[in-house]
Structure formats: C-alpha cells, structure tokens
C-alpha cells in the first residue's frame, strides 16, 4: 500500500480514515494539523504543519481531510499551498461507492461510502462527495465543492467552484449553482 499523509485532524478526518481503509490502496502515515487536535483517535500520529514542512513534502501523497461548512475557499487555499510544494493528490474512492466508467474525478477528491456518480458526470479537484450523495448523469461539479451526505444532484446540473450543498438537499435537473453558493440542508433548489 502507498503511504498517504492526511491534512487535518478534525471530525471529517475520521470519516476519511474509513474511506481510505476501505479502498485498500493507501495506508495513513500520519496527520498534519496546525495545532495539536485530539478529535482523531489517539493511536494516530499527529504532527504540526511546521514539522511537516521541515520534512520536505515534495512528491508526498496527501489528502485534505478538512470539511467545509461554509464555502470552499479554505480548502482551495490549502490545496493550492500544497500543490505549490509539489505534493500529489490521489483520488480517494470508497469501495462501496458506485462511479460510472464514463465519469471523471479530479485529483484530491474523495468519494465517500455509498456515493453514486452516474453517466458522464465530471467532479472537479479537491471535492468531497459525501456519504450516500447522488450525482446523476451529465453533471459538472467544479473544484472545491462539498456535496453533503444524502444530497441529490439531478441530471445536467452545474455546480460552480467553492460551493456547499447541504445534507439531503435536492438540486433540480439542469440547475446552475453559482460560485461560492451555500444550499442549506433539505432545500429543494430549482
């Protein structure tokens, strides 16, 4: 298994651990956190960002496990920072997710347990397609978007970068969600 370093040690990182384990492609080396954060199970090694940068992270596999409750600007900033350091961002896919062979997924994105991505959809870089989210046919999800658990994006929809689609929200077919939008939980967007 290839080693992967997890950026962030909060609650979302716990969910990422399970997906990484299920894929059986990567093994977590350690976590990087700005400050020591104990939301991660204590048997995992956590180092500070300062310590990590001293290790020269070039060509290291990393995953940004920092969730997003507002817009994706923070995730975008972190992604760009580590990209400049020449880190690699593998795509993380749960073994229980279903992804059409005609769909494309950008680097650094994570497809969580039981997520479904249908025919000809495109997922950008550094996205979170959370547990049981559904992305129907011919959708475009730009970079740094978080589709929360149970959200449904119907066919032909376009979600611009840095947006957040809340738990259980439904985006009507052929809708366009503007850059940096926040769609609340259980909202029907038409």
C-alpha atoms as a PDB file:
ATOM      1  CA  UNK A   1       0.000   0.000   0.000  1.00  0.00           C
ATOM      2  CA  UNK A   2       1.122   3.538  -0.733  1.00  0.00           C
ATOM      3  CA  UNK A   3       1.569   5.921   2.192  1.00  0.00           C
ATOM      4  CA  UNK A   4      -0.688   8.954   2.424  1.00  0.00           C
ATOM      5  CA  UNK A   5      -0.489  11.938   4.741  1.00  0.00           C
ATOM      6  CA  UNK A   6      -3.741  13.447   5.966  1.00  0.00           C
ATOM      7  CA  UNK A   7      -4.013  17.227   6.264  1.00  0.00           C
ATOM      8  CA  UNK A   8      -6.427  17.960   9.121  1.00  0.00           C
ATOM      9  CA  UNK A   9      -7.260  16.011  12.247  1.00  0.00           C
ATOM     10  CA  UNK A  10     -10.833  17.083  12.968  1.00  0.00           C
ATOM     11  CA  UNK A  11     -14.144  15.276  12.658  1.00  0.00           C
ATOM     12  CA  UNK A  12     -14.148  14.979   8.848  1.00  0.00           C
ATOM     13  CA  UNK A  13     -10.754  13.271   9.029  1.00  0.00           C
ATOM     14  CA  UNK A  14     -12.366  10.416  10.967  1.00  0.00           C
ATOM     15  CA  UNK A  15     -14.727   9.799   8.039  1.00  0.00           C
ATOM     16  CA  UNK A  16     -11.814   9.954   5.610  1.00  0.00           C
ATOM     17  CA  UNK A  17      -9.945   7.294   7.621  1.00  0.00           C
ATOM     18  CA  UNK A  18     -12.767   4.822   6.996  1.00  0.00           C
ATOM     19  CA  UNK A  19     -12.875   5.512   3.263  1.00  0.00           C
ATOM     20  CA  UNK A  20      -9.095   5.202   2.922  1.00  0.00           C
ATOM     21  CA  UNK A  21      -9.153   1.904   4.796  1.00  0.00           C
ATOM     22  CA  UNK A  22     -11.975   0.549   2.613  1.00  0.00           C
ATOM     23  CA  UNK A  23     -10.128   1.322  -0.619  1.00  0.00           C
ATOM     24  CA  UNK A  24      -7.068  -0.729   0.436  1.00  0.00           C
ATOM     25  CA  UNK A  25      -4.809   1.403  -1.784  1.00  0.00           C
ATOM     26  CA  UNK A  26      -3.292   3.780   0.766  1.00  0.00           C
ATOM     27  CA  UNK A  27      -2.030   3.462   4.307  1.00  0.00           C
ATOM     28  CA  UNK A  28      -2.154   6.544   6.533  1.00  0.00           C
ATOM     29  CA  UNK A  29       1.356   7.607   7.579  1.00  0.00           C
ATOM     30  CA  UNK A  30       0.313  10.443   9.910  1.00  0.00           C
ATOM     31  CA  UNK A  31      -1.871  13.528  10.267  1.00  0.00           C
ATOM     32  CA  UNK A  32      -0.853  17.165   9.885  1.00  0.00           C
ATOM     33  CA  UNK A  33      -2.672  19.800  11.940  1.00  0.00           C
ATOM     34  CA  UNK A  34      -1.868  23.482  12.514  1.00  0.00           C
ATOM     35  CA  UNK A  35      -2.181  22.832  16.238  1.00  0.00           C
ATOM     36  CA  UNK A  36      -2.397  19.576  18.131  1.00  0.00           C
ATOM     37  CA  UNK A  37      -6.018  18.470  17.800  1.00  0.00           C
ATOM     38  CA  UNK A  38      -7.319  15.419  19.587  1.00  0.00           C
ATOM     39  CA  UNK A  39     -10.510  14.723  17.623  1.00  0.00           C
ATOM     40  CA  UNK A  40      -8.630  11.941  15.838  1.00  0.00           C
ATOM     41  CA  UNK A  41      -8.298   8.611  17.559  1.00  0.00           C
ATOM     42  CA  UNK A  42      -5.245   8.899  19.849  1.00  0.00           C
ATOM     43  CA  UNK A  43      -3.400   5.935  18.305  1.00  0.00           C
ATOM     44  CA  UNK A  44      -2.643   8.011  15.193  1.00  0.00           C
ATOM     45  CA  UNK A  45       0.476  10.140  14.893  1.00  0.00           C
ATOM     46  CA  UNK A  46      -0.257  13.861  14.570  1.00  0.00           C
ATOM     47  CA  UNK A  47       2.403  16.416  13.704  1.00  0.00           C
ATOM     48  CA  UNK A  48       2.148  20.171  13.262  1.00  0.00           C
ATOM     49  CA  UNK A  49       2.226  21.816   9.862  1.00  0.00           C
ATOM     50  CA  UNK A  50       5.560  23.377  10.790  1.00  0.00           C
ATOM     51  CA  UNK A  51       7.053  19.926  11.486  1.00  0.00           C
ATOM     52  CA  UNK A  52       5.646  18.604   8.206  1.00  0.00           C
ATOM     53  CA  UNK A  53       7.126  21.420   6.138  1.00  0.00           C
ATOM     54  CA  UNK A  54      10.562  20.633   7.591  1.00  0.00           C
ATOM     55  CA  UNK A  55      10.218  17.099   6.148  1.00  0.00           C
ATOM     56  CA  UNK A  56      10.177  18.497   2.582  1.00  0.00           C
ATOM     57  CA  UNK A  57       6.787  17.274   1.376  1.00  0.00           C
ATOM     58  CA  UNK A  58       7.633  17.241  -2.374  1.00  0.00           C
ATOM     59  CA  UNK A  59       6.165  14.158  -4.123  1.00  0.00           C
ATOM     60  CA  UNK A  60       4.331  13.018  -0.979  1.00  0.00           C
ATOM     61  CA  UNK A  61       0.760  11.720  -1.324  1.00  0.00           C
ATOM     62  CA  UNK A  62      -1.579  13.873   0.723  1.00  0.00           C
ATOM     63  CA  UNK A  63      -5.302  14.194   1.259  1.00  0.00           C
ATOM     64  CA  UNK A  64      -7.048  17.289   2.610  1.00  0.00           C
ATOM     65  CA  UNK A  65      -9.413  15.976   5.286  1.00  0.00           C
ATOM     66  CA  UNK A  66     -10.772  19.331   6.337  1.00  0.00           C
ATOM     67  CA  UNK A  67     -14.530  19.533   5.890  1.00  0.00           C
ATOM     68  CA  UNK A  68     -16.384  22.571   4.715  1.00  0.00           C
ATOM     69  CA  UNK A  69     -19.409  24.105   6.365  1.00  0.00           C
ATOM     70  CA  UNK A  70     -19.372  27.398   4.501  1.00  0.00           C
ATOM     71  CA  UNK A  71     -17.709  27.861   1.132  1.00  0.00           C
ATOM     72  CA  UNK A  72     -14.698  26.045  -0.256  1.00  0.00           C
ATOM     73  CA  UNK A  73     -12.233  28.936  -0.160  1.00  0.00           C
ATOM     74  CA  UNK A  74     -10.283  27.482   2.783  1.00  0.00           C
ATOM     75  CA  UNK A  75      -9.973  24.068   1.102  1.00  0.00           C
ATOM     76  CA  UNK A  76      -8.942  25.807  -2.137  1.00  0.00           C
ATOM     77  CA  UNK A  77      -6.242  27.805  -0.318  1.00  0.00           C
ATOM     78  CA  UNK A  78      -4.834  24.668   1.354  1.00  0.00           C
ATOM     79  CA  UNK A  79      -4.907  22.745  -1.947  1.00  0.00           C
ATOM     80  CA  UNK A  80      -3.002  25.496  -3.778  1.00  0.00           C
ATOM     81  CA  UNK A  81      -0.454  25.774  -0.939  1.00  0.00           C
ATOM     82  CA  UNK A  82       0.435  22.065  -1.051  1.00  0.00           C
ATOM     83  CA  UNK A  83       0.249  21.962  -4.855  1.00  0.00           C
ATOM     84  CA  UNK A  84       2.992  24.616  -4.973  1.00  0.00           C
ATOM     85  CA  UNK A  85       5.076  22.306  -2.768  1.00  0.00           C
ATOM     86  CA  UNK A  86       4.636  19.633  -5.474  1.00  0.00           C
ATOM     87  CA  UNK A  87       2.589  17.243  -3.350  1.00  0.00           C
ATOM     88  CA  UNK A  88       0.474  14.552  -5.017  1.00  0.00           C
ATOM     89  CA  UNK A  89      -3.297  14.422  -4.505  1.00  0.00           C
ATOM     90  CA  UNK A  90      -4.624  10.931  -5.188  1.00  0.00           C
ATOM     91  CA  UNK A  91      -8.326  10.366  -5.773  1.00  0.00           C
ATOM     92  CA  UNK A  92      -9.847   8.515  -2.820  1.00  0.00           C
ATOM     93  CA  UNK A  93     -12.826   6.263  -3.623  1.00  0.00           C
ATOM     94  CA  UNK A  94     -14.742   4.175  -1.124  1.00  0.00           C
ATOM     95  CA  UNK A  95     -15.063   0.525  -2.042  1.00  0.00           C
ATOM     96  CA  UNK A  96     -18.832   0.912  -1.576  1.00  0.00           C
ATOM     97  CA  UNK A  97     -19.218   3.894  -3.927  1.00  0.00           C
ATOM     98  CA  UNK A  98     -20.574   3.422  -7.442  1.00  0.00           C
ATOM     99  CA  UNK A  99     -18.922   5.504 -10.152  1.00  0.00           C
ATOM    100  CA  UNK A 100     -19.764   5.319 -13.848  1.00  0.00           C
ATOM    101  CA  UNK A 101     -16.806   4.470 -16.064  1.00  0.00           C
ATOM    102  CA  UNK A 102     -17.769   7.461 -18.225  1.00  0.00           C
ATOM    103  CA  UNK A 103     -17.421   9.924 -15.338  1.00  0.00           C
ATOM    104  CA  UNK A 104     -14.228  11.779 -14.431  1.00  0.00           C
ATOM    105  CA  UNK A 105     -12.963  12.697 -10.980  1.00  0.00           C
ATOM    106  CA  UNK A 106     -10.334  15.371 -10.321  1.00  0.00           C
ATOM    107  CA  UNK A 107      -7.237  14.960  -8.189  1.00  0.00           C
ATOM    108  CA  UNK A 108      -7.606  15.224  -4.432  1.00  0.00           C
ATOM    109  CA  UNK A 109     -11.323  14.460  -4.435  1.00  0.00           C
ATOM    110  CA  UNK A 110     -12.866  11.915  -2.079  1.00  0.00           C
ATOM    111  CA  UNK A 111     -15.898   9.799  -2.892  1.00  0.00           C
ATOM    112  CA  UNK A 112     -17.353   8.603   0.415  1.00  0.00           C
ATOM    113  CA  UNK A 113     -19.281   5.436   1.301  1.00  0.00           C
ATOM    114  CA  UNK A 114     -22.323   4.592  -0.858  1.00  0.00           C
ATOM    115  CA  UNK A 115     -21.987   7.717  -3.009  1.00  0.00           C
ATOM    116  CA  UNK A 116     -23.268   7.320  -6.573  1.00  0.00           C
ATOM    117  CA  UNK A 117     -21.864   9.147  -9.602  1.00  0.00           C
ATOM    118  CA  UNK A 118     -23.775   8.458 -12.787  1.00  0.00           C
ATOM    119  CA  UNK A 119     -23.031   8.563 -16.516  1.00  0.00           C
ATOM    120  CA  UNK A 120     -20.800  11.289 -17.968  1.00  0.00           C
ATOM    121  CA  UNK A 121     -20.532  13.429 -14.837  1.00  0.00           C
ATOM    122  CA  UNK A 122     -17.401  15.422 -14.032  1.00  0.00           C
ATOM    123  CA  UNK A 123     -16.169  16.003 -10.484  1.00  0.00           C
ATOM    124  CA  UNK A 124     -13.506  18.693 -10.115  1.00  0.00           C
ATOM    125  CA  UNK A 125     -10.373  18.778  -7.980  1.00  0.00           C
ATOM    126  CA  UNK A 126     -10.416  18.699  -4.172  1.00  0.00           C
ATOM    127  CA  UNK A 127     -14.125  17.857  -3.868  1.00  0.00           C
ATOM    128  CA  UNK A 128     -15.988  15.959  -1.169  1.00  0.00           C
ATOM    129  CA  UNK A 129     -18.780  13.726  -2.441  1.00  0.00           C
ATOM    130  CA  UNK A 130     -20.051  12.664   0.949  1.00  0.00           C
ATOM    131  CA  UNK A 131     -21.839   9.552   2.195  1.00  0.00           C
ATOM    132  CA  UNK A 132     -24.864   8.495   0.118  1.00  0.00           C
ATOM    133  CA  UNK A 133     -24.699  11.592  -2.109  1.00  0.00           C
ATOM    134  CA  UNK A 134     -26.066  11.089  -5.628  1.00  0.00           C
ATOM    135  CA  UNK A 135     -24.683  12.845  -8.681  1.00  0.00           C
ATOM    136  CA  UNK A 136     -26.904  11.976 -11.632  1.00  0.00           C
ATOM    137  CA  UNK A 137     -25.954  11.895 -15.337  1.00  0.00           C
ATOM    138  CA  UNK A 138     -24.174  14.709 -17.165  1.00  0.00           C
ATOM    139  CA  UNK A 139     -23.480  16.871 -14.103  1.00  0.00           C
ATOM    140  CA  UNK A 140     -20.486  19.148 -13.707  1.00  0.00           C
ATOM    141  CA  UNK A 141     -19.174  19.749 -10.204  1.00  0.00           C
ATOM    142  CA  UNK A 142     -16.328  22.279 -10.226  1.00  0.00           C
ATOM    143  CA  UNK A 143     -13.339  22.369  -7.846  1.00  0.00           C
ATOM    144  CA  UNK A 144     -13.550  22.534  -4.018  1.00  0.00           C
ATOM    145  CA  UNK A 145     -17.247  21.646  -3.828  1.00  0.00           C
ATOM    146  CA  UNK A 146     -18.699  19.715  -0.896  1.00  0.00           C
ATOM    147  CA  UNK A 147     -21.796  17.638  -1.612  1.00  0.00           C
ATOM    148  CA  UNK A 148     -23.003  16.719   1.909  1.00  0.00           C
ATOM    149  CA  UNK A 149     -24.440  13.338   2.948  1.00  0.00           C
ATOM    150  CA  UNK A 150     -27.638  12.342   1.180  1.00  0.00           C
ATOM    151  CA  UNK A 151     -27.705  15.308  -1.217  1.00  0.00           C
ATOM    152  CA  UNK A 152     -29.087  14.603  -4.697  1.00  0.00           C
ATOM    153  CA  UNK A 153     -27.851  16.454  -7.764  1.00  0.00           C
ATOM    154  CA  UNK A 154     -30.178  15.692 -10.666  1.00  0.00           C
ATOM    155  CA  UNK A 155     -29.103  15.292 -14.289  1.00  0.00           C
ATOM    156  CA  UNK A 156     -27.428  18.058 -16.240  1.00  0.00           C
ATOM    157  CA  UNK A 157     -26.823  20.293 -13.215  1.00  0.00           C
ATOM    158  CA  UNK A 158     -23.779  22.538 -12.966  1.00  0.00           C
ATOM    159  CA  UNK A 159     -22.274  23.462  -9.584  1.00  0.00           C
ATOM    160  CA  UNK A 160     -19.612  26.147  -9.687  1.00  0.00           C
ATOM    161  CA  UNK A 161     -16.472  26.053  -7.531  1.00  0.00           C
ATOM    162  CA  UNK A 162     -16.310  26.508  -3.753  1.00  0.00           C
ATOM    163  CA  UNK A 163     -19.979  25.690  -3.230  1.00  0.00           C
ATOM    164  CA  UNK A 164     -21.593  23.677  -0.451  1.00  0.00           C
ATOM    165  CA  UNK A 165     -24.709  21.557  -0.940  1.00  0.00           C
ATOM    166  CA  UNK A 166     -26.235  20.640   2.454  1.00  0.00           C
ATOM    167  CA  UNK A 167     -27.411  17.263   3.750  1.00  0.00           C
ATOM    168  CA  UNK A 168     -30.461  15.943   1.928  1.00  0.00           C
ATOM    169  CA  UNK A 169     -30.682  18.918  -0.446  1.00  0.00           C
ATOM    170  CA  UNK A 170     -32.093  18.229  -3.914  1.00  0.00           C
ATOM    171  CA  UNK A 171     -30.843  20.181  -6.911  1.00  0.00           C
ATOM    172  CA  UNK A 172     -33.411  20.081  -9.756  1.00  0.00           C
ATOM    173  CA  UNK A 173     -32.219  18.822 -13.146  1.00  0.00           C
ATOM    174  CA  UNK A 174     -30.343  21.297 -15.356  1.00  0.00           C
ATOM    175  CA  UNK A 175     -29.861  23.768 -12.481  1.00  0.00           C
ATOM    176  CA  UNK A 176     -26.851  26.047 -12.158  1.00  0.00           C
ATOM    177  CA  UNK A 177     -25.439  26.799  -8.712  1.00  0.00           C
ATOM    178  CA  UNK A 178     -23.251  29.908  -8.677  1.00  0.00           C
ATOM    179  CA  UNK A 179     -19.688  30.048  -7.351  1.00  0.00           C
ATOM    180  CA  UNK A 180     -19.404  30.007  -3.543  1.00  0.00           C
ATOM    181  CA  UNK A 181     -23.091  29.175  -3.002  1.00  0.00           C
ATOM    182  CA  UNK A 182     -24.409  27.525   0.144  1.00  0.00           C
ATOM    183  CA  UNK A 183     -27.539  25.427  -0.321  1.00  0.00           C
ATOM    184  CA  UNK A 184     -28.984  24.558   3.120  1.00  0.00           C
ATOM    185  CA  UNK A 185     -29.857  21.075   4.303  1.00  0.00           C
ATOM    186  CA  UNK A 186     -33.094  19.594   2.908  1.00  0.00           C
ATOM    187  CA  UNK A 187     -33.549  22.516   0.484  1.00  0.00           C
ATOM    188  CA  UNK A 188     -35.137  21.861  -2.919  1.00  0.00           C
ATOM    189  CA  UNK A 189     -33.319  24.098  -5.400  1.00  0.00           C
ATOM    190  CA  UNK A 190     -34.994  24.782  -8.737  1.00  0.00           C
END
